[in-house]
Amino acid sequence: MIDIKLIRENPEIVKENIKKKFQNEKLPLVDEVKKLDSEWRTLKYKEDSLRSERNRISESVNQAKKQKEDKKAKGLIKKARSIPEEIAKIEEKRKKLEAEIMEIMYKIPNIIHKSVPIGRDASQNKVVKKIGKPKVPKYEIFNHAELAEKLNGADFDSAREISGNGFYFLKGDLALLASAMFSFSRDYMIKQGFEYFEPPLMIREKILKGVYSSQDIEQMSYKIEGEDLYLIATSEHPMIGMFFDKTLREKDLPIKITGFSPCFRKEVGSHGIEEKGFYRVHQFNKQEMIVICNPKDSYHWYDKMLKFTVEVFRALNIPVRVFESCSGDLSDLKAKGCDVEAWSPRQKKYYEVGSLTNMEEAQARRLSIRVDDGKNRYFAHTLNNTVLASPRALIALMENNQLKDGSIKIPAVLQKYMGGKKKIVTEKAKK
């Protein structure tokens, strides 16, 4: 959420930003907020004036009583009795306006960073760099679902029977391989100075509204019936939610947290949810990182956080590329963002395995996360980034480390988490 002062003082900047995001239908919202804000300020002035008048009358009553001017005191008291009712009426109107303004402000996109490429949609995103040499072996690379079954590492039919489409069982060495990936990524992030968390898997709506749009909540989040709780879509949400309505000391910044959790998403209307496999699913595991920092340091941390994810994937022998989001592909809270994409030798293309976001102060405004430098208070900058998400990272690992007979070569950094095992072989190879 942007600062309403920007709409008061420079509405054209806000409108130009909306145009850069190709959301022209939102242009009238700027004038609507400006009008409502003007009405709000008028009411606030009246309310404050009445409170001041009440205080002045109260002081005058005390003076009149001291001077034994009883008649004057009674007249002042009578006048004072009508003020609370007037204040209450104005306050009710003001709070109603506040709620209307807030709902509209949530819809106005964050100001994008000056470095963001301008484009209408994901088709105009920009490749920033490629790391690692993408290879296509001469032998066949099996589809991940087919290979998982050859390795006796997955059961899709049983999962579909008990839970429906979009779920799966991982088992045996393949499940251990996925666990090893997360153990490695956790230990890697701890070495970078991040504190490790395992967050709650449910979250209240007031926190969810601070990190998601209403549309996202409806399309993505599972609601717990009869309770003010939703299943989390990523560990980022409860981790940043820990700081809701808190004031942090500047000397304690940056705050660096990495969290592991299962994640749950409805994925309403998503293509691929009906397909066999685990590319697009309702439940998955994820290692996330968040940073809360001083505004002057946020793009330094943006670059560092991207570097961490790239290093994790390269340690797993997976070539990646960084794909920067253009203006039209950034969600409304984002000031700048990019995807990390892994190479698929089977499809001969890259696909998304994680995303990095700098929300600058927009998320902190929604969640009221402030910083105290000893003299002033200001909103923090917040960033989040995927370290590793399975099953997509697992698919990339399976494809890029697959041998001719379908066996999987276990990357060296994972072998210690798997009892020294160097390879996962197919059921056929075991015989």
Protein backbone atom coordinates (compact mmCIF):
# COMPACT_ATOMS: atom_id res chain seq x y z
CA MET A 1 0.00 0.00 0.00
CA ILE A 2 1.38 3.40 -0.97
CA ASP A 3 1.52 6.49 1.26
CA ILE A 4 -1.72 8.46 0.92
CA LYS A 5 0.39 11.65 1.03
CA LEU A 6 1.56 10.78 -2.47
CA ILE A 7 -2.04 10.89 -3.69
CA ARG A 8 -2.65 14.17 -1.84
CA GLU A 9 0.46 15.88 -3.17
CA ASN A 10 1.39 14.09 -6.43
CA PRO A 11 -1.60 12.16 -7.79
CA GLU A 12 -0.16 12.26 -11.32
CA ILE A 13 2.80 10.13 -10.20
CA VAL A 14 0.37 7.51 -8.93
CA LYS A 15 -1.64 7.63 -12.16
CA GLU A 16 1.47 7.32 -14.31
CA ASN A 17 2.51 4.27 -12.29
CA ILE A 18 -0.93 2.70 -12.87
CA LYS A 19 -0.52 3.30 -16.61
CA LYS A 20 2.91 1.62 -16.55
CA LYS A 21 1.23 -1.42 -15.05
CA PHE A 22 -1.45 -1.35 -17.78
CA GLN A 23 -4.25 -1.09 -15.21
CA ASN A 24 -6.00 1.97 -16.63
CA GLU A 25 -9.31 0.81 -15.17
CA LYS A 26 -7.86 1.79 -11.77
CA LEU A 27 -7.13 5.41 -12.71
CA PRO A 28 -10.47 6.70 -11.31
CA LEU A 29 -9.52 5.23 -7.91
CA VAL A 30 -6.89 7.95 -7.43
CA ASP A 31 -9.43 10.78 -7.74
CA GLU A 32 -11.91 8.83 -5.63
CA VAL A 33 -9.39 8.44 -2.81
CA LYS A 34 -8.41 12.09 -3.06
CA LYS A 35 -12.06 13.15 -2.71
CA LEU A 36 -12.75 10.80 0.22
CA ASP A 37 -9.53 11.85 1.90
CA SER A 38 -10.53 15.50 1.66
CA GLU A 39 -13.86 14.66 3.32
CA TRP A 40 -12.00 12.63 5.97
CA ARG A 41 -9.67 15.53 6.79
CA THR A 42 -12.61 17.93 7.11
CA LEU A 43 -14.30 15.58 9.58
CA LYS A 44 -11.03 15.06 11.46
CA TYR A 45 -10.60 18.81 11.79
CA LYS A 46 -14.13 19.19 13.15
CA GLU A 47 -13.63 16.29 15.55
CA ASP A 48 -10.32 17.67 16.84
CA SER A 49 -11.82 21.14 17.17
CA LEU A 50 -14.72 19.80 19.24
CA ARG A 51 -12.31 17.88 21.49
CA SER A 52 -10.28 21.05 21.98
CA GLU A 53 -13.45 23.04 22.70
CA ARG A 54 -14.53 20.42 25.26
CA ASN A 55 -11.17 20.73 26.99
CA ARG A 56 -11.39 24.54 26.99
CA ILE A 57 -14.91 24.42 28.45
CA SER A 58 -13.77 21.95 31.10
CA GLU A 59 -11.01 24.35 32.11
CA SER A 60 -13.46 27.27 32.15
CA VAL A 61 -15.84 25.26 34.37
CA ASN A 62 -13.03 24.67 36.85
CA GLN A 63 -12.18 28.38 36.85
CA ALA A 64 -15.83 29.39 37.32
CA LYS A 65 -16.19 27.01 40.27
CA LYS A 66 -13.05 28.34 41.87
CA GLN A 67 -14.45 31.86 41.55
CA LYS A 68 -17.84 30.61 42.84
CA GLU A 69 -19.57 31.66 39.62
CA ASP A 70 -22.12 28.82 39.86
CA LYS A 71 -24.52 30.12 37.22
CA LYS A 72 -21.70 30.46 34.68
CA ALA A 73 -20.39 26.99 35.56
CA LYS A 74 -23.85 25.42 35.06
CA GLY A 75 -24.19 27.07 31.64
CA LEU A 76 -20.79 25.81 30.56
CA ILE A 77 -21.56 22.28 31.80
CA LYS A 78 -24.82 22.28 29.84
CA LYS A 79 -22.94 23.33 26.70
CA ALA A 80 -20.26 20.69 27.28
CA ARG A 81 -22.82 17.88 27.55
CA SER A 82 -23.82 18.19 23.89
CA ILE A 83 -20.24 17.93 22.59
CA PRO A 84 -19.60 14.16 23.16
CA GLU A 85 -22.67 13.32 21.09
CA GLU A 86 -21.46 15.54 18.25
CA ILE A 87 -17.99 13.98 18.46
CA ALA A 88 -19.47 10.46 18.37
CA LYS A 89 -21.47 11.23 15.22
CA ILE A 90 -18.46 12.71 13.43
CA GLU A 91 -16.20 9.90 14.62
CA GLU A 92 -18.60 7.30 13.21
CA LYS A 93 -18.62 9.02 9.81
CA ARG A 94 -14.83 9.41 9.89
CA LYS A 95 -14.20 5.73 10.64
CA LYS A 96 -16.59 4.69 7.88
CA LEU A 97 -14.63 6.89 5.47
CA GLU A 98 -11.36 5.40 6.74
CA ALA A 99 -12.58 1.90 5.92
CA GLU A 100 -13.68 2.98 2.42
CA ILE A 101 -10.34 4.68 1.78
CA MET A 102 -8.39 1.65 3.00
CA GLU A 103 -10.29 -0.73 0.70
CA ILE A 104 -9.49 1.46 -2.29
CA MET A 105 -5.86 1.98 -1.25
CA TYR A 106 -5.41 -1.80 -1.21
CA LYS A 107 -6.35 -1.82 -4.91
CA ILE A 108 -3.90 0.91 -5.98
CA PRO A 109 -0.59 -0.71 -7.01
CA ASN A 110 2.72 -0.03 -5.33
CA ILE A 111 5.12 2.35 -7.10
CA ILE A 112 7.44 0.20 -9.19
CA HIS A 113 11.21 0.61 -8.97
CA LYS A 114 12.78 2.70 -11.71
CA SER A 115 14.75 -0.34 -12.99
CA VAL A 116 11.63 -2.42 -13.71
CA PRO A 117 11.17 -3.01 -17.48
CA ILE A 118 7.85 -1.76 -18.81
CA GLY A 119 5.69 -4.48 -20.33
CA ARG A 120 2.08 -5.57 -20.47
CA ASP A 121 2.36 -9.18 -19.23
CA ALA A 122 4.69 -12.14 -18.58
CA SER A 123 5.44 -12.47 -22.30
CA GLN A 124 7.47 -9.26 -21.97
CA ASN A 125 9.55 -10.34 -18.98
CA LYS A 126 13.30 -10.02 -19.42
CA VAL A 127 16.05 -12.64 -19.13
CA VAL A 128 18.71 -11.08 -16.89
CA LYS A 129 21.28 -13.88 -16.85
CA LYS A 130 21.81 -17.62 -17.15
CA ILE A 131 23.92 -19.58 -14.68
CA GLY A 132 25.15 -23.05 -15.57
CA LYS A 133 25.21 -24.67 -18.99
CA PRO A 134 21.88 -26.22 -20.00
CA LYS A 135 22.39 -29.71 -21.41
CA VAL A 136 20.22 -32.12 -23.36
CA PRO A 137 21.62 -35.65 -23.16
CA LYS A 138 21.45 -37.99 -26.14
CA TYR A 139 19.40 -40.51 -24.15
CA GLU A 140 15.73 -40.11 -23.23
CA ILE A 141 14.85 -38.06 -20.14
CA PHE A 142 11.79 -39.64 -18.56
CA ASN A 143 8.73 -37.65 -17.52
CA HIS A 144 9.03 -37.04 -13.77
CA ALA A 145 5.83 -38.92 -12.91
CA GLU A 146 6.86 -41.94 -14.97
CA LEU A 147 10.36 -41.88 -13.50
CA ALA A 148 9.06 -41.48 -9.94
CA GLU A 149 7.07 -44.69 -10.40
CA LYS A 150 10.05 -46.49 -11.97
CA LEU A 151 12.03 -45.52 -8.85
CA ASN A 152 9.16 -46.76 -6.64
CA GLY A 153 9.24 -43.27 -5.18
CA ALA A 154 5.69 -42.04 -5.67
CA ASP A 155 2.10 -43.21 -5.47
CA PHE A 156 -0.29 -40.97 -7.37
CA ASP A 157 -3.26 -43.34 -7.57
CA SER A 158 -3.60 -43.81 -3.79
CA ALA A 159 -3.27 -40.06 -3.20
CA ARG A 160 -5.96 -39.36 -5.79
CA GLU A 161 -8.22 -41.92 -4.10
CA ILE A 162 -7.89 -40.45 -0.61
CA SER A 163 -7.44 -36.74 -1.40
CA GLY A 164 -8.32 -36.07 -5.05
CA ASN A 165 -6.32 -34.52 -7.88
CA GLY A 166 -3.35 -32.34 -7.01
CA PHE A 167 -1.95 -34.61 -4.27
CA TYR A 168 0.69 -37.36 -4.19
CA PHE A 169 2.62 -39.72 -1.93
CA LEU A 170 6.42 -39.51 -2.00
CA LYS A 171 8.14 -42.57 -0.56
CA GLY A 172 11.42 -44.39 -0.14
CA ASP A 173 14.61 -42.91 -1.53
CA LEU A 174 12.78 -40.25 -3.55
CA ALA A 175 11.12 -38.92 -0.39
CA LEU A 176 14.52 -38.98 1.33
CA LEU A 177 16.01 -37.09 -1.61
CA ALA A 178 13.39 -34.36 -1.26
CA SER A 179 14.06 -34.21 2.48
CA ALA A 180 17.81 -34.01 1.82
CA MET A 181 17.27 -31.00 -0.48
CA PHE A 182 15.52 -29.14 2.31
CA SER A 183 18.09 -30.13 4.92
CA PHE A 184 20.83 -28.79 2.66
CA SER A 185 18.95 -25.56 1.86
CA ARG A 186 18.17 -25.02 5.57
CA ASP A 187 21.81 -25.48 6.58
CA TYR A 188 22.96 -23.26 3.71
CA MET A 189 20.68 -20.42 4.81
CA ILE A 190 21.76 -20.76 8.44
CA LYS A 191 25.38 -20.36 7.27
CA GLN A 192 24.32 -17.10 5.60
CA GLY A 193 23.22 -15.79 9.03
CA PHE A 194 19.49 -16.47 8.78
CA GLU A 195 17.52 -17.67 11.79
CA TYR A 196 15.59 -20.89 11.15
CA PHE A 197 11.84 -21.08 11.83
CA GLU A 198 9.04 -23.61 11.46
CA PRO A 199 5.92 -21.39 11.47
CA PRO A 200 2.24 -22.10 12.24
CA LEU A 201 0.37 -23.59 9.30
CA MET A 202 -2.73 -21.45 9.85
CA ILE A 203 -3.07 -17.69 9.73
CA ARG A 204 -5.69 -15.07 10.62
CA GLU A 205 -7.41 -12.96 7.99
CA LYS A 206 -5.96 -9.65 9.23
CA ILE A 207 -2.46 -10.95 8.47
CA LEU A 208 -3.50 -12.48 5.17
CA LYS A 209 -4.97 -9.15 4.06
CA GLY A 210 -1.60 -7.58 4.74
CA VAL A 211 0.16 -9.89 2.29
CA TYR A 212 -2.50 -10.81 -0.29
CA SER A 213 -5.14 -9.06 -2.34
CA SER A 214 -8.78 -10.02 -1.74
CA GLN A 215 -8.79 -11.74 -5.13
CA ASP A 216 -5.71 -13.80 -4.22
CA ILE A 217 -7.28 -14.85 -0.93
CA GLU A 218 -10.39 -16.07 -2.73
CA GLN A 219 -8.51 -17.90 -5.48
CA MET A 220 -5.58 -19.34 -3.52
CA SER A 221 -6.36 -19.78 0.17
CA TYR A 222 -8.13 -22.61 1.97
CA LYS A 223 -10.49 -21.22 4.64
CA ILE A 224 -11.04 -23.11 7.89
CA GLU A 225 -14.83 -23.23 8.15
CA GLY A 226 -16.27 -21.42 11.18
CA GLU A 227 -12.94 -19.93 12.27
CA ASP A 228 -10.87 -16.84 11.54
CA LEU A 229 -8.11 -19.04 10.10
CA TYR A 230 -6.70 -19.96 6.68
CA LEU A 231 -4.12 -22.59 5.72
CA ILE A 232 -0.87 -20.84 4.76
CA ALA A 233 0.20 -20.62 1.11
CA THR A 234 3.85 -19.97 2.06
CA SER A 235 5.86 -19.68 5.28
CA GLU A 236 6.59 -16.06 4.32
CA HIS A 237 3.13 -15.01 5.47
CA PRO A 238 3.24 -16.13 9.12
CA MET A 239 6.92 -15.15 9.38
CA ILE A 240 6.30 -11.56 8.27
CA GLY A 241 3.06 -11.64 10.27
CA MET A 242 5.12 -12.04 13.46
CA PHE A 243 5.96 -8.37 13.16
CA PHE A 244 2.39 -7.12 12.71
CA ASP A 245 1.86 -3.75 14.43
CA LYS A 246 5.38 -3.75 15.92
CA THR A 247 8.05 -1.09 16.09
CA LEU A 248 11.57 -2.43 15.58
CA ARG A 249 14.81 -0.86 16.70
CA GLU A 250 16.95 0.29 13.80
CA LYS A 251 20.05 -1.23 15.40
CA ASP A 252 18.39 -4.68 15.19
CA LEU A 253 18.09 -4.51 11.40
CA PRO A 254 18.31 -6.37 9.15
CA ILE A 255 16.10 -9.17 10.43
CA LYS A 256 16.90 -12.32 8.44
CA ILE A 257 14.66 -15.38 8.73
CA THR A 258 14.42 -18.63 6.81
CA GLY A 259 11.43 -20.90 7.31
CA PHE A 260 10.32 -24.36 6.26
CA SER A 261 6.69 -25.41 6.01
CA PRO A 262 4.11 -27.32 4.06
CA CYS A 263 2.08 -24.93 1.88
CA PHE A 264 -1.52 -25.19 0.69
CA ARG A 265 -3.06 -23.57 -2.39
CA LYS A 266 -6.44 -23.98 -4.06
CA GLU A 267 -4.94 -23.04 -7.45
CA VAL A 268 -8.41 -22.17 -8.76
CA GLY A 269 -8.49 -22.36 -12.54
CA SER A 270 -4.85 -23.47 -12.78
CA HIS A 271 -3.92 -25.48 -15.83
CA GLY A 272 -2.25 -28.81 -15.06
CA ILE A 273 -3.91 -29.62 -11.74
CA GLU A 274 -5.63 -32.61 -13.37
CA GLU A 275 -2.42 -34.04 -14.80
CA LYS A 276 -0.65 -37.00 -13.26
CA GLY A 277 2.49 -35.94 -11.44
CA PHE A 278 3.52 -33.23 -9.04
CA TYR A 279 4.32 -30.17 -11.10
CA ARG A 280 1.18 -28.26 -10.03
CA VAL A 281 -0.37 -29.43 -6.76
CA HIS A 282 -2.50 -28.29 -3.82
CA GLN A 283 0.10 -29.14 -1.17
CA PHE A 284 3.89 -28.82 -1.30
CA ASN A 285 6.89 -28.07 0.90
CA LYS A 286 8.92 -24.88 0.74
CA GLN A 287 12.01 -23.27 2.24
CA GLU A 288 11.53 -19.49 2.26
CA MET A 289 13.61 -16.48 3.26
CA ILE A 290 12.49 -13.02 4.38
CA VAL A 291 14.43 -9.87 5.17
CA ILE A 292 13.17 -6.80 7.03
CA CYS A 293 15.62 -3.95 6.60
CA ASN A 294 16.38 -0.26 6.43
CA PRO A 295 15.10 1.22 3.12
CA LYS A 296 18.60 2.23 2.08
CA ASP A 297 19.71 -1.42 2.22
CA SER A 298 16.78 -3.14 0.51
CA TYR A 299 18.26 -3.50 -2.98
CA HIS A 300 21.55 -4.68 -1.54
CA TRP A 301 19.53 -7.47 0.09
CA TYR A 302 17.56 -8.05 -3.12
CA ASP A 303 20.80 -8.93 -4.91
CA LYS A 304 22.11 -11.06 -2.04
CA MET A 305 18.88 -13.03 -1.69
CA LEU A 306 18.90 -13.80 -5.41
CA LYS A 307 22.50 -14.99 -5.14
CA PHE A 308 21.57 -17.39 -2.31
CA THR A 309 18.87 -19.14 -4.35
CA VAL A 310 21.09 -19.42 -7.42
CA GLU A 311 23.89 -20.96 -5.35
CA VAL A 312 21.54 -23.55 -3.85
CA PHE A 313 20.38 -24.68 -7.30
CA ARG A 314 23.87 -24.75 -8.74
CA ALA A 315 24.98 -26.95 -5.83
CA LEU A 316 22.27 -29.38 -6.98
CA ASN A 317 23.70 -29.41 -10.54
CA ILE A 318 20.68 -27.53 -11.91
CA PRO A 319 21.27 -24.76 -14.50
CA VAL A 320 19.07 -21.72 -13.87
CA ARG A 321 18.21 -18.36 -15.33
CA VAL A 322 16.94 -15.15 -13.76
CA PHE A 323 13.78 -13.85 -15.42
CA GLU A 324 12.89 -10.28 -14.39
CA SER A 325 9.21 -9.40 -14.11
CA CYS A 326 8.03 -6.50 -16.24
CA SER A 327 5.67 -3.84 -14.85
CA GLY A 328 2.48 -5.54 -16.00
CA ASP A 329 3.48 -8.89 -14.51
CA LEU A 330 4.20 -7.53 -11.01
CA SER A 331 1.41 -8.02 -8.48
CA ASP A 332 0.18 -4.83 -6.85
CA LEU A 333 2.32 -5.08 -3.70
CA LYS A 334 5.60 -5.58 -5.57
CA ALA A 335 8.06 -2.78 -6.35
CA LYS A 336 10.43 -5.15 -8.12
CA GLY A 337 10.59 -8.90 -8.63
CA CYS A 338 12.05 -11.74 -10.62
CA ASP A 339 11.66 -15.48 -11.04
CA VAL A 340 14.38 -18.07 -10.78
CA GLU A 341 13.80 -20.67 -13.48
CA ALA A 342 15.34 -24.13 -13.71
CA TRP A 343 16.41 -25.86 -16.91
CA SER A 344 14.32 -28.83 -18.03
CA PRO A 345 16.35 -31.08 -20.38
CA ARG A 346 13.19 -33.09 -21.12
CA GLN A 347 11.17 -30.04 -22.23
CA LYS A 348 14.25 -28.18 -23.50
CA LYS A 349 13.18 -25.01 -21.76
CA TYR A 350 13.29 -23.20 -18.41
CA TYR A 351 10.41 -23.18 -15.92
CA GLU A 352 9.72 -21.25 -12.71
CA VAL A 353 10.98 -22.75 -9.44
CA GLY A 354 10.91 -19.67 -7.21
CA SER A 355 10.41 -15.92 -7.03
CA LEU A 356 12.09 -12.95 -5.38
CA THR A 357 10.17 -9.83 -4.36
CA ASN A 358 11.02 -6.43 -2.93
CA MET A 359 7.85 -4.78 -1.66
CA GLU A 360 9.76 -1.77 -0.32
CA GLU A 361 7.46 -0.27 2.35
CA ALA A 362 4.09 -1.33 0.87
CA GLN A 363 3.74 -4.54 2.88
CA ALA A 364 5.07 -2.88 6.05
CA ARG A 365 2.37 -0.19 5.68
CA ARG A 366 -0.36 -2.82 5.47
CA LEU A 367 1.02 -4.68 8.48
CA SER A 368 2.12 -1.55 10.37
CA ILE A 369 5.78 -2.60 10.74
CA ARG A 370 7.78 0.47 11.77
CA VAL A 371 11.40 1.18 12.67
CA ASP A 372 12.58 3.53 15.43
CA ASP A 373 15.99 5.14 14.86
CA GLY A 374 15.94 6.96 18.20
CA LYS A 375 14.61 10.18 16.70
CA ASN A 376 12.04 9.21 14.10
CA ARG A 377 9.88 6.29 13.06
CA TYR A 378 9.59 5.02 9.51
CA PHE A 379 8.24 1.98 7.69
CA ALA A 380 10.63 -0.89 7.09
CA HIS A 381 11.30 -2.46 3.72
CA THR A 382 10.34 -6.13 3.37
CA LEU A 383 11.65 -8.73 0.94
CA ASN A 384 10.91 -12.41 0.40
CA ASN A 385 12.43 -15.10 -1.77
CA THR A 386 12.03 -18.82 -2.39
CA VAL A 387 15.06 -20.82 -1.35
CA LEU A 388 13.64 -24.11 -2.58
CA ALA A 389 10.15 -25.44 -3.29
CA SER A 390 9.37 -29.08 -3.82
CA PRO A 391 8.16 -30.72 -5.95
CA ARG A 392 9.33 -28.33 -8.69
CA ALA A 393 12.91 -28.31 -7.44
CA LEU A 394 12.76 -32.10 -7.11
CA ILE A 395 11.62 -32.42 -10.74
CA ALA A 396 14.56 -30.24 -11.83
CA LEU A 397 16.95 -32.32 -9.76
CA MET A 398 15.56 -35.59 -11.20
CA GLU A 399 15.86 -34.38 -14.80
CA ASN A 400 19.29 -32.75 -14.58
CA ASN A 401 20.87 -35.60 -12.61
CA GLN A 402 19.19 -38.44 -14.52
CA LEU A 403 21.38 -41.21 -15.96
CA LYS A 404 20.74 -43.24 -19.10
CA ASP A 405 19.00 -46.09 -17.25
CA GLY A 406 16.74 -43.68 -15.35
CA SER A 407 18.77 -43.77 -12.15
CA ILE A 408 19.32 -40.49 -10.33
CA LYS A 409 22.81 -39.35 -9.45
CA ILE A 410 22.64 -37.76 -6.00
CA PRO A 411 24.48 -34.39 -5.90
CA ALA A 412 27.53 -34.45 -3.63
CA VAL A 413 26.06 -31.86 -1.22
CA LEU A 414 23.08 -34.14 -0.51
CA GLN A 415 24.90 -37.43 0.00
CA LYS A 416 25.63 -36.84 3.69
CA TYR A 417 21.89 -36.40 4.29
CA MET A 418 21.23 -39.77 2.64
CA GLY A 419 23.68 -41.90 4.55
CA GLY A 420 26.39 -41.58 1.91
CA LYS A 421 24.20 -42.96 -0.89
CA LYS A 422 25.36 -41.73 -4.32
CA LYS A 423 22.59 -42.96 -6.59
CA ILE A 424 18.91 -43.86 -6.62
CA VAL A 425 18.24 -46.71 -9.01
CA THR A 426 15.08 -47.89 -10.74
CA GLU A 427 13.29 -51.06 -9.69
CA LYS A 428 14.41 -52.68 -12.96
CA ALA A 429 18.08 -51.85 -12.28
CA LYS A 430 17.84 -53.42 -8.81
CA LYS A 431 16.94 -56.82 -10.28
